Amino acid sequence: MKNWFRRFMAGRYGFDQFSAFLSVSSLVCILLGTWFSAVLYWGGLALLAYCYYRTLSRNFYQRRAENSKYLFYRGKVTAWFGKYRMRFQQRKQYKYFRCPGCRQELRVPRGRGNIAITCPKCHTHFTKKS
């Protein structure tokens, strides 16, 4: 049985990060769909079928391109949440402002009163209360 499965999977793409995301999200949709909506249930089944299709596919180039696109967007989302997580952790020490000239985010220490801020990117001067 073990050798049969190895021979069957030879030359197929297999399981990657995007497939893992699809399988977990399909299971969540199926579970939520059993309680709330038939559309979620059938959508979860469609996601699961697509996950199996990707795993058993022999088109390595297309599957690798899908996975790299998924990893690119996942990196953007995790970086966005990481930025706001860091800002939340530093909320007592620093205050954040946007430069009126170039919209660059600037971090200044809290509790210094009115301070003159110079943007390091466009060298615009402005005054804010920290």
Protein backbone atom coordinates (compact mmCIF):
# COMPACT_ATOMS: atom_id res chain seq x y z
CA MET A 1 0.00 0.00 0.00
CA LYS A 2 2.83 2.40 0.86
CA ASN A 3 4.63 1.77 -2.43
CA TRP A 4 1.39 2.19 -4.40
CA PHE A 5 0.87 5.65 -2.89
CA ARG A 6 4.49 6.62 -3.62
CA ARG A 7 4.14 5.56 -7.23
CA PHE A 8 0.81 7.37 -7.50
CA MET A 9 2.24 10.64 -6.15
CA ALA A 10 5.41 10.48 -8.28
CA GLY A 11 5.41 13.43 -10.68
CA ARG A 12 2.59 15.24 -8.87
CA TYR A 13 2.89 18.63 -7.23
CA GLY A 14 2.01 17.73 -3.64
CA PHE A 15 1.12 19.84 -0.62
CA ASP A 16 2.45 23.39 -0.09
CA GLN A 17 1.59 26.48 1.98
CA PHE A 18 -1.26 27.55 -0.30
CA SER A 19 -2.76 24.06 -0.16
CA ALA A 20 -2.54 24.16 3.64
CA PHE A 21 -4.35 27.52 3.66
CA LEU A 22 -7.00 26.18 1.30
CA SER A 23 -7.59 23.04 3.35
CA VAL A 24 -7.89 24.91 6.66
CA SER A 25 -10.14 27.60 5.19
CA SER A 26 -12.31 24.96 3.52
CA LEU A 27 -12.77 23.13 6.81
CA VAL A 28 -13.69 26.39 8.54
CA CYS A 29 -16.21 27.19 5.79
CA ILE A 30 -17.71 23.70 6.00
CA LEU A 31 -18.08 23.93 9.78
CA LEU A 32 -19.60 27.41 9.63
CA GLY A 33 -21.79 26.34 6.74
CA THR A 34 -23.34 23.48 8.70
CA TRP A 35 -24.62 26.01 11.25
CA PHE A 36 -25.30 29.16 9.27
CA SER A 37 -25.46 28.95 5.50
CA ALA A 38 -25.56 26.34 2.76
CA VAL A 39 -23.56 28.71 0.53
CA LEU A 40 -20.63 28.57 2.98
CA TYR A 41 -20.90 24.78 3.11
CA TRP A 42 -20.78 24.38 -0.67
CA GLY A 43 -18.06 27.01 -0.93
CA GLY A 44 -15.99 25.04 1.57
CA LEU A 45 -16.47 21.87 -0.45
CA ALA A 46 -15.38 23.72 -3.59
CA LEU A 47 -12.24 24.96 -1.80
CA LEU A 48 -11.48 21.43 -0.65
CA ALA A 49 -11.89 20.09 -4.18
CA TYR A 50 -9.54 22.80 -5.48
CA CYS A 51 -7.02 21.89 -2.77
CA TYR A 52 -7.07 18.25 -3.90
CA TYR A 53 -6.82 19.34 -7.53
CA ARG A 54 -3.69 21.37 -6.72
CA THR A 55 -2.14 18.55 -4.70
CA LEU A 56 -2.64 15.96 -7.45
CA SER A 57 -1.74 18.27 -10.33
CA ARG A 58 1.23 17.60 -12.60
CA ASN A 59 1.57 21.22 -13.73
CA PHE A 60 4.47 22.26 -11.47
CA TYR A 61 4.97 25.65 -13.11
CA GLN A 62 1.39 26.84 -12.56
CA ARG A 63 1.16 25.49 -8.99
CA ARG A 64 4.48 27.07 -8.05
CA ALA A 65 3.32 30.42 -9.49
CA GLU A 66 0.08 30.20 -7.45
CA ASN A 67 2.04 29.40 -4.28
CA SER A 68 4.50 32.27 -4.80
CA LYS A 69 1.62 34.71 -5.39
CA TYR A 70 -0.05 33.45 -2.19
CA LEU A 71 3.20 33.86 -0.23
CA PHE A 72 3.62 37.40 -1.61
CA TYR A 73 0.16 38.49 -0.45
CA ARG A 74 0.50 36.66 2.87
CA GLY A 75 3.76 38.53 3.45
CA LYS A 76 2.05 41.85 2.80
CA VAL A 77 -0.77 41.05 5.23
CA THR A 78 1.56 39.81 7.97
CA ALA A 79 3.81 42.86 7.55
CA TRP A 80 0.78 45.17 7.87
CA PHE A 81 -0.39 43.44 11.05
CA GLY A 82 3.19 43.37 12.37
CA LYS A 83 3.53 47.11 11.86
CA TYR A 84 0.37 47.88 13.80
CA ARG A 85 1.25 45.35 16.47
CA MET A 86 4.60 47.12 16.96
CA ARG A 87 2.87 50.51 17.07
CA PHE A 88 0.45 49.19 19.69
CA GLN A 89 3.30 47.87 21.82
CA GLN A 90 5.15 51.20 21.61
CA ARG A 91 2.09 53.41 22.13
CA LYS A 92 3.25 54.61 25.57
CA GLN A 93 6.77 55.60 24.46
CA TYR A 94 6.17 57.02 20.98
CA LYS A 95 3.61 58.96 18.98
CA TYR A 96 3.23 58.60 15.21
CA PHE A 97 2.63 61.41 12.72
CA ARG A 98 2.43 61.68 8.95
CA CYS A 99 4.52 64.25 7.12
CA PRO A 100 2.22 66.78 5.40
CA GLY A 101 4.54 66.90 2.39
CA CYS A 102 5.25 63.29 1.48
CA ARG A 103 2.92 61.30 3.82
CA GLN A 104 5.90 59.48 5.38
CA GLU A 105 5.13 58.04 8.84
CA LEU A 106 7.33 59.53 11.55
CA ARG A 107 7.82 58.31 15.11
CA VAL A 108 8.55 60.84 17.85
CA PRO A 109 8.94 60.34 21.61
CA ARG A 110 5.90 61.08 23.77
CA GLY A 111 5.75 63.71 26.48
CA ARG A 112 8.06 66.33 24.96
CA GLY A 113 5.41 69.01 24.47
CA ASN A 114 5.31 70.96 21.22
CA ILE A 115 8.21 69.83 19.07
CA ALA A 116 9.49 70.83 15.65
CA ILE A 117 9.68 67.78 13.43
CA THR A 118 11.79 67.55 10.27
CA CYS A 119 10.91 64.82 7.81
CA PRO A 120 14.05 62.85 6.89
CA LYS A 121 12.65 62.05 3.45
CA CYS A 122 11.52 65.44 2.08
CA HIS A 123 12.97 67.78 4.80
CA THR A 124 9.61 69.43 5.50
CA HIS A 125 9.40 71.21 8.87
CA PHE A 126 6.20 71.06 10.93
CA THR A 127 5.21 71.39 14.60
CA LYS A 128 3.15 68.88 16.56
CA LYS A 129 2.40 68.17 20.19
CA SER A 130 3.86 64.92 21.43
